[in-house]
């Protein structure tokens, strides 16, 4: 996964909308959605489906893109 895709994944999986990710990164919404499709396809190729935003969050945590949630 490219650095830009990791950035999009991180922002989106943390709850940002595609439009907000686009605004924060300077990308178009179309490009953000394209990156999300590519990210999901890469996970699917490795047998790690990520159909929902929650699934993407879980994969991002598993892969170290995002820290695990803290247990207070």
PDB file of N, CA and C in Angstrom:
ATOM      1  N   UNK A   1       0.847  -1.172   0.000  1.00  0.00           N
ATOM      2  CA  UNK A   1       0.000   0.000   0.000  1.00  0.00           C
ATOM      3  C   UNK A   1       0.897   1.241   0.000  1.00  0.00           C
ATOM      4  N   UNK A   2       0.549   2.189  -0.821  1.00  0.00           N
ATOM      5  CA  UNK A   2       1.354   3.407  -0.907  1.00  0.00           C
ATOM      6  C   UNK A   2       1.145   4.277   0.336  1.00  0.00           C
ATOM      7  N   UNK A   3       2.044   5.219   0.536  1.00  0.00           N
ATOM      8  CA  UNK A   3       1.921   6.141   1.666  1.00  0.00           C
ATOM      9  C   UNK A   3       0.620   6.926   1.577  1.00  0.00           C
ATOM     10  N   UNK A   4       0.257   7.342   0.382  1.00  0.00           N
ATOM     11  CA  UNK A   4      -0.967   8.121   0.206  1.00  0.00           C
ATOM     12  C   UNK A   4      -2.188   7.267   0.539  1.00  0.00           C
ATOM     13  N   UNK A   5      -2.167   5.995   0.112  1.00  0.00           N
ATOM     14  CA  UNK A   5      -3.272   5.099   0.443  1.00  0.00           C
ATOM     15  C   UNK A   5      -3.353   4.881   1.947  1.00  0.00           C
ATOM     16  N   UNK A   6      -2.214   4.751   2.605  1.00  0.00           N
ATOM     17  CA  UNK A   6      -2.204   4.602   4.071  1.00  0.00           C
ATOM     18  C   UNK A   6      -2.794   5.835   4.736  1.00  0.00           C
ATOM     19  N   UNK A   7      -2.476   7.016   4.206  1.00  0.00           N
ATOM     20  CA  UNK A   7      -3.007   8.251   4.763  1.00  0.00           C
ATOM     21  C   UNK A   7      -4.532   8.292   4.614  1.00  0.00           C
ATOM     22  N   UNK A   8      -5.018   7.934   3.438  1.00  0.00           N
ATOM     23  CA  UNK A   8      -6.464   7.907   3.191  1.00  0.00           C
ATOM     24  C   UNK A   8      -7.120   6.880   4.102  1.00  0.00           C
ATOM     25  N   UNK A   9      -6.541   5.708   4.211  1.00  0.00           N
ATOM     26  CA  UNK A   9      -7.084   4.664   5.087  1.00  0.00           C
ATOM     27  C   UNK A   9      -7.149   5.153   6.524  1.00  0.00           C
ATOM     28  N   UNK A  10      -6.077   5.748   6.994  1.00  0.00           N
ATOM     29  CA  UNK A  10      -6.025   6.223   8.379  1.00  0.00           C
ATOM     30  C   UNK A  10      -7.146   7.228   8.655  1.00  0.00           C
ATOM     31  N   UNK A  11      -7.292   8.213   7.797  1.00  0.00           N
ATOM     32  CA  UNK A  11      -8.314   9.236   8.008  1.00  0.00           C
ATOM     33  C   UNK A  11      -9.723   8.662   7.901  1.00  0.00           C
ATOM     34  N   UNK A  12      -9.959   7.859   6.878  1.00  0.00           N
ATOM     35  CA  UNK A  12     -11.288   7.300   6.649  1.00  0.00           C
ATOM     36  C   UNK A  12     -11.665   6.324   7.759  1.00  0.00           C
ATOM     37  N   UNK A  13     -10.739   5.462   8.136  1.00  0.00           N
ATOM     38  CA  UNK A  13     -11.017   4.454   9.159  1.00  0.00           C
ATOM     39  C   UNK A  13     -11.228   5.080  10.534  1.00  0.00           C
ATOM     40  N   UNK A  14     -10.719   6.282  10.726  1.00  0.00           N
ATOM     41  CA  UNK A  14     -10.922   6.985  12.006  1.00  0.00           C
ATOM     42  C   UNK A  14     -12.250   7.730  12.031  1.00  0.00           C
ATOM     43  N   UNK A  15     -13.024   7.628  10.964  1.00  0.00           N
ATOM     44  CA  UNK A  15     -14.359   8.187  10.984  1.00  0.00           C
ATOM     45  C   UNK A  15     -14.619   9.343  10.042  1.00  0.00           C
ATOM     46  N   UNK A  16     -13.593   9.806   9.340  1.00  0.00           N
ATOM     47  CA  UNK A  16     -13.805  10.915   8.400  1.00  0.00           C
ATOM     48  C   UNK A  16     -14.595  10.424   7.176  1.00  0.00           C
ATOM     49  N   UNK A  17     -15.389  11.301   6.600  1.00  0.00           N
ATOM     50  CA  UNK A  17     -16.081  10.980   5.351  1.00  0.00           C
ATOM     51  C   UNK A  17     -15.094  11.092   4.195  1.00  0.00           C
ATOM     52  N   UNK A  18     -15.461  10.533   3.065  1.00  0.00           N
ATOM     53  CA  UNK A  18     -14.594  10.631   1.886  1.00  0.00           C
ATOM     54  C   UNK A  18     -14.389  12.095   1.505  1.00  0.00           C
ATOM     55  N   UNK A  19     -15.437  12.899   1.637  1.00  0.00           N
ATOM     56  CA  UNK A  19     -15.324  14.324   1.306  1.00  0.00           C
ATOM     57  C   UNK A  19     -14.337  15.014   2.245  1.00  0.00           C
ATOM     58  N   UNK A  20     -14.400  14.714   3.523  1.00  0.00           N
ATOM     59  CA  UNK A  20     -13.487  15.331   4.500  1.00  0.00           C
ATOM     60  C   UNK A  20     -12.052  14.857   4.267  1.00  0.00           C
ATOM     61  N   UNK A  21     -11.883  13.574   3.940  1.00  0.00           N
ATOM     62  CA  UNK A  21     -10.546  13.066   3.617  1.00  0.00           C
ATOM     63  C   UNK A  21      -9.993  13.822   2.413  1.00  0.00           C
ATOM     64  N   UNK A  22     -10.838  14.015   1.409  1.00  0.00           N
ATOM     65  CA  UNK A  22     -10.411  14.742   0.212  1.00  0.00           C
ATOM     66  C   UNK A  22      -9.984  16.163   0.578  1.00  0.00           C
ATOM     67  N   UNK A  23     -10.763  16.840   1.381  1.00  0.00           N
ATOM     68  CA  UNK A  23     -10.418  18.203   1.794  1.00  0.00           C
ATOM     69  C   UNK A  23      -9.103  18.242   2.564  1.00  0.00           C
ATOM     70  N   UNK A  24      -8.897  17.289   3.442  1.00  0.00           N
ATOM     71  CA  UNK A  24      -7.699  17.286   4.284  1.00  0.00           C
ATOM     72  C   UNK A  24      -6.440  16.914   3.522  1.00  0.00           C
ATOM     73  N   UNK A  25      -6.588  16.135   2.462  1.00  0.00           N
ATOM     74  CA  UNK A  25      -5.416  15.653   1.727  1.00  0.00           C
ATOM     75  C   UNK A  25      -5.170  16.393   0.420  1.00  0.00           C
ATOM     76  N   UNK A  26      -6.128  17.199  -0.008  1.00  0.00           N
ATOM     77  CA  UNK A  26      -5.986  17.894  -1.288  1.00  0.00           C
ATOM     78  C   UNK A  26      -6.310  17.014  -2.484  1.00  0.00           C
ATOM     79  N   UNK A  27      -6.920  15.878  -2.235  1.00  0.00           N
ATOM     80  CA  UNK A  27      -7.329  14.971  -3.309  1.00  0.00           C
ATOM     81  C   UNK A  27      -8.781  15.248  -3.665  1.00  0.00           C
ATOM     82  N   UNK A  28      -9.213  14.732  -4.798  1.00  0.00           N
ATOM     83  CA  UNK A  28     -10.630  14.815  -5.136  1.00  0.00           C
ATOM     84  C   UNK A  28     -11.366  13.677  -4.423  1.00  0.00           C
ATOM     85  N   UNK A  29     -12.666  13.839  -4.258  1.00  0.00           N
ATOM     86  CA  UNK A  29     -13.475  12.780  -3.643  1.00  0.00           C
ATOM     87  C   UNK A  29     -13.397  11.524  -4.502  1.00  0.00           C
ATOM     88  N   UNK A  30     -13.368  11.689  -5.808  1.00  0.00           N
ATOM     89  CA  UNK A  30     -13.258  10.543  -6.713  1.00  0.00           C
ATOM     90  C   UNK A  30     -11.966   9.777  -6.459  1.00  0.00           C
ATOM     91  N   UNK A  31     -10.866  10.486  -6.269  1.00  0.00           N
ATOM     92  CA  UNK A  31      -9.583   9.834  -6.011  1.00  0.00           C
ATOM     93  C   UNK A  31      -9.610   9.125  -4.657  1.00  0.00           C
ATOM     94  N   UNK A  32     -10.175   9.753  -3.659  1.00  0.00           N
ATOM     95  CA  UNK A  32     -10.285   9.115  -2.336  1.00  0.00           C
ATOM     96  C   UNK A  32     -11.088   7.824  -2.464  1.00  0.00           C
ATOM     97  N   UNK A  33     -12.221   7.879  -3.136  1.00  0.00           N
ATOM     98  CA  UNK A  33     -13.039   6.675  -3.304  1.00  0.00           C
ATOM     99  C   UNK A  33     -12.313   5.609  -4.108  1.00  0.00           C
ATOM    100  N   UNK A  34     -11.537   6.019  -5.103  1.00  0.00           N
ATOM    101  CA  UNK A  34     -10.740   5.075  -5.882  1.00  0.00           C
ATOM    102  C   UNK A  34      -9.695   4.401  -4.985  1.00  0.00           C
ATOM    103  N   UNK A  35      -9.023   5.186  -4.149  1.00  0.00           N
ATOM    104  CA  UNK A  35      -8.048   4.611  -3.214  1.00  0.00           C
ATOM    105  C   UNK A  35      -8.716   3.618  -2.279  1.00  0.00           C
ATOM    106  N   UNK A  36      -9.896   3.957  -1.778  1.00  0.00           N
ATOM    107  CA  UNK A  36     -10.604   3.051  -0.872  1.00  0.00           C
ATOM    108  C   UNK A  36     -10.977   1.744  -1.576  1.00  0.00           C
ATOM    109  N   UNK A  37     -11.388   1.839  -2.838  1.00  0.00           N
ATOM    110  CA  UNK A  37     -11.680   0.622  -3.605  1.00  0.00           C
ATOM    111  C   UNK A  37     -10.425  -0.233  -3.777  1.00  0.00           C
ATOM    112  N   UNK A  38      -9.307   0.408  -4.071  1.00  0.00           N
ATOM    113  CA  UNK A  38      -8.039  -0.322  -4.244  1.00  0.00           C
ATOM    114  C   UNK A  38      -7.589  -0.952  -2.935  1.00  0.00           C
ATOM    115  N   UNK A  39      -7.748  -0.235  -1.842  1.00  0.00           N
ATOM    116  CA  UNK A  39      -7.371  -0.766  -0.525  1.00  0.00           C
ATOM    117  C   UNK A  39      -8.224  -1.986  -0.203  1.00  0.00           C
ATOM    118  N   UNK A  40      -9.528  -1.863  -0.416  1.00  0.00           N
ATOM    119  CA  UNK A  40     -10.421  -2.998  -0.157  1.00  0.00           C
ATOM    120  C   UNK A  40     -10.062  -4.195  -1.047  1.00  0.00           C
ATOM    121  N   UNK A  41      -9.713  -3.925  -2.300  1.00  0.00           N
ATOM    122  CA  UNK A  41      -9.340  -5.002  -3.223  1.00  0.00           C
ATOM    123  C   UNK A  41      -8.063  -5.694  -2.757  1.00  0.00           C
ATOM    124  N   UNK A  42      -7.105  -4.924  -2.264  1.00  0.00           N
ATOM    125  CA  UNK A  42      -5.856  -5.515  -1.767  1.00  0.00           C
ATOM    126  C   UNK A  42      -6.121  -6.401  -0.567  1.00  0.00           C
ATOM    127  N   UNK A  43      -6.975  -5.945   0.340  1.00  0.00           N
ATOM    128  CA  UNK A  43      -7.326  -6.780   1.487  1.00  0.00           C
ATOM    129  C   UNK A  43      -8.039  -8.050   1.030  1.00  0.00           C
ATOM    130  N   UNK A  44      -8.953  -7.922   0.088  1.00  0.00           N
ATOM    131  CA  UNK A  44      -9.685  -9.091  -0.411  1.00  0.00           C
ATOM    132  C   UNK A  44      -8.750 -10.104  -1.051  1.00  0.00           C
ATOM    133  N   UNK A  45      -7.736  -9.631  -1.769  1.00  0.00           N
ATOM    134  CA  UNK A  45      -6.767 -10.535  -2.403  1.00  0.00           C
ATOM    135  C   UNK A  45      -6.033 -11.386  -1.373  1.00  0.00           C
ATOM    136  N   UNK A  46      -5.927 -10.866  -0.163  1.00  0.00           N
ATOM    137  CA  UNK A  46      -5.220 -11.580   0.900  1.00  0.00           C
ATOM    138  C   UNK A  46      -6.177 -12.262   1.872  1.00  0.00           C
ATOM    139  N   UNK A  47      -7.448 -12.391   1.450  1.00  0.00           N
ATOM    140  CA  UNK A  47      -8.430 -13.088   2.264  1.00  0.00           C
ATOM    141  C   UNK A  47      -8.839 -12.323   3.512  1.00  0.00           C
ATOM    142  N   UNK A  48      -8.717 -11.004   3.464  1.00  0.00           N
ATOM    143  CA  UNK A  48      -9.037 -10.166   4.616  1.00  0.00           C
ATOM    144  C   UNK A  48     -10.057  -9.107   4.189  1.00  0.00           C
ATOM    145  N   UNK A  49     -11.246  -9.555   3.913  1.00  0.00           N
ATOM    146  CA  UNK A  49     -12.297  -8.665   3.406  1.00  0.00           C
ATOM    147  C   UNK A  49     -12.473  -7.444   4.310  1.00  0.00           C
ATOM    148  N   UNK A  50     -12.814  -6.329   3.695  1.00  0.00           N
ATOM    149  CA  UNK A  50     -13.055  -5.084   4.420  1.00  0.00           C
ATOM    150  C   UNK A  50     -14.188  -4.339   3.717  1.00  0.00           C
ATOM    151  N   UNK A  51     -15.395  -4.806   3.936  1.00  0.00           N
ATOM    152  CA  UNK A  51     -16.553  -4.228   3.244  1.00  0.00           C
ATOM    153  C   UNK A  51     -17.038  -2.937   3.893  1.00  0.00           C
ATOM    154  N   UNK A  52     -16.857  -2.812   5.196  1.00  0.00           N
ATOM    155  CA  UNK A  52     -17.392  -1.652   5.910  1.00  0.00           C
ATOM    156  C   UNK A  52     -16.267  -0.771   6.453  1.00  0.00           C
ATOM    157  N   UNK A  53     -16.650   0.403   6.928  1.00  0.00           N
ATOM    158  CA  UNK A  53     -15.679   1.305   7.536  1.00  0.00           C
ATOM    159  C   UNK A  53     -15.092   0.665   8.798  1.00  0.00           C
ATOM    160  N   UNK A  54     -15.915  -0.058   9.541  1.00  0.00           N
ATOM    161  CA  UNK A  54     -15.432  -0.755  10.736  1.00  0.00           C
ATOM    162  C   UNK A  54     -14.409  -1.817  10.353  1.00  0.00           C
ATOM    163  N   UNK A  55     -14.669  -2.542   9.270  1.00  0.00           N
ATOM    164  CA  UNK A  55     -13.706  -3.537   8.781  1.00  0.00           C
ATOM    165  C   UNK A  55     -12.387  -2.861   8.421  1.00  0.00           C
ATOM    166  N   UNK A  56     -12.459  -1.722   7.754  1.00  0.00           N
ATOM    167  CA  UNK A  56     -11.234  -0.996   7.401  1.00  0.00           C
ATOM    168  C   UNK A  56     -10.484  -0.553   8.654  1.00  0.00           C
ATOM    169  N   UNK A  57     -11.223  -0.120   9.657  1.00  0.00           N
ATOM    170  CA  UNK A  57     -10.592   0.266  10.928  1.00  0.00           C
ATOM    171  C   UNK A  57      -9.855  -0.937  11.525  1.00  0.00           C
ATOM    172  N   UNK A  58     -10.513  -2.076  11.565  1.00  0.00           N
ATOM    173  CA  UNK A  58      -9.894  -3.294  12.123  1.00  0.00           C
ATOM    174  C   UNK A  58      -8.621  -3.663  11.356  1.00  0.00           C
ATOM    175  N   UNK A  59      -8.681  -3.627  10.033  1.00  0.00           N
ATOM    176  CA  UNK A  59      -7.500  -3.959   9.225  1.00  0.00           C
ATOM    177  C   UNK A  59      -6.380  -2.952   9.483  1.00  0.00           C
ATOM    178  N   UNK A  60      -6.723  -1.671   9.604  1.00  0.00           N
ATOM    179  CA  UNK A  60      -5.713  -0.643   9.855  1.00  0.00           C
ATOM    180  C   UNK A  60      -5.031  -0.875  11.199  1.00  0.00           C
ATOM    181  N   UNK A  61      -5.785  -1.293  12.199  1.00  0.00           N
ATOM    182  CA  UNK A  61      -5.199  -1.603  13.509  1.00  0.00           C
ATOM    183  C   UNK A  61      -4.328  -2.853  13.398  1.00  0.00           C
ATOM    184  N   UNK A  62      -4.842  -3.883  12.743  1.00  0.00           N
ATOM    185  CA  UNK A  62      -4.073  -5.124  12.573  1.00  0.00           C
ATOM    186  C   UNK A  62      -2.745  -4.883  11.871  1.00  0.00           C
ATOM    187  N   UNK A  63      -2.733  -3.960  10.916  1.00  0.00           N
ATOM    188  CA  UNK A  63      -1.539  -3.695  10.114  1.00  0.00           C
ATOM    189  C   UNK A  63      -0.649  -2.598  10.692  1.00  0.00           C
ATOM    190  N   UNK A  64      -1.032  -2.042  11.835  1.00  0.00           N
ATOM    191  CA  UNK A  64      -0.216  -1.016  12.463  1.00  0.00           C
ATOM    192  C   UNK A  64      -0.348   0.362  11.850  1.00  0.00           C
ATOM    193  N   UNK A  65      -1.330   0.551  10.974  1.00  0.00           N
ATOM    194  CA  UNK A  65      -1.578   1.867  10.398  1.00  0.00           C
ATOM    195  C   UNK A  65      -2.167   2.780  11.476  1.00  0.00           C
ATOM    196  N   UNK A  66      -3.013   2.197  12.320  1.00  0.00           N
ATOM    197  CA  UNK A  66      -3.613   2.903  13.452  1.00  0.00           C
ATOM    198  C   UNK A  66      -3.249   2.176  14.741  1.00  0.00           C
ATOM    199  N   UNK A  67      -3.112   2.911  15.832  1.00  0.00           N
ATOM    200  CA  UNK A  67      -2.843   2.245  17.118  1.00  0.00           C
ATOM    201  C   UNK A  67      -4.102   1.521  17.595  1.00  0.00           C
ATOM    202  N   UNK A  68      -3.922   0.486  18.388  1.00  0.00           N
ATOM    203  CA  UNK A  68      -5.099  -0.184  18.939  1.00  0.00           C
ATOM    204  C   UNK A  68      -5.837   0.758  19.889  1.00  0.00           C
ATOM    205  N   UNK A  69      -7.129   0.547  20.042  1.00  0.00           N
ATOM    206  CA  UNK A  69      -7.878   1.417  20.957  1.00  0.00           C
ATOM    207  C   UNK A  69      -7.356   1.248  22.381  1.00  0.00           C
ATOM    208  N   UNK A  70      -7.342   2.341  23.117  1.00  0.00           N
ATOM    209  CA  UNK A  70      -6.862   2.262  24.494  1.00  0.00           C
ATOM    210  C   UNK A  70      -7.962   1.701  25.377  1.00  0.00           C
ATOM    211  N   UNK A  71      -7.549   0.993  26.371  1.00  0.00           N
ATOM    212  CA  UNK A  71      -8.502   0.401  27.321  1.00  0.00           C
ATOM    213  C   UNK A  71      -8.410   1.180  28.618  1.00  0.00           C
ATOM    214  N   UNK A  72      -9.407   2.003  28.851  1.00  0.00           N
ATOM    215  CA  UNK A  72      -9.398   2.852  30.043  1.00  0.00           C
ATOM    216  C   UNK A  72     -10.014   2.162  31.222  1.00  0.00           C
TER     217      UNK A  72
END
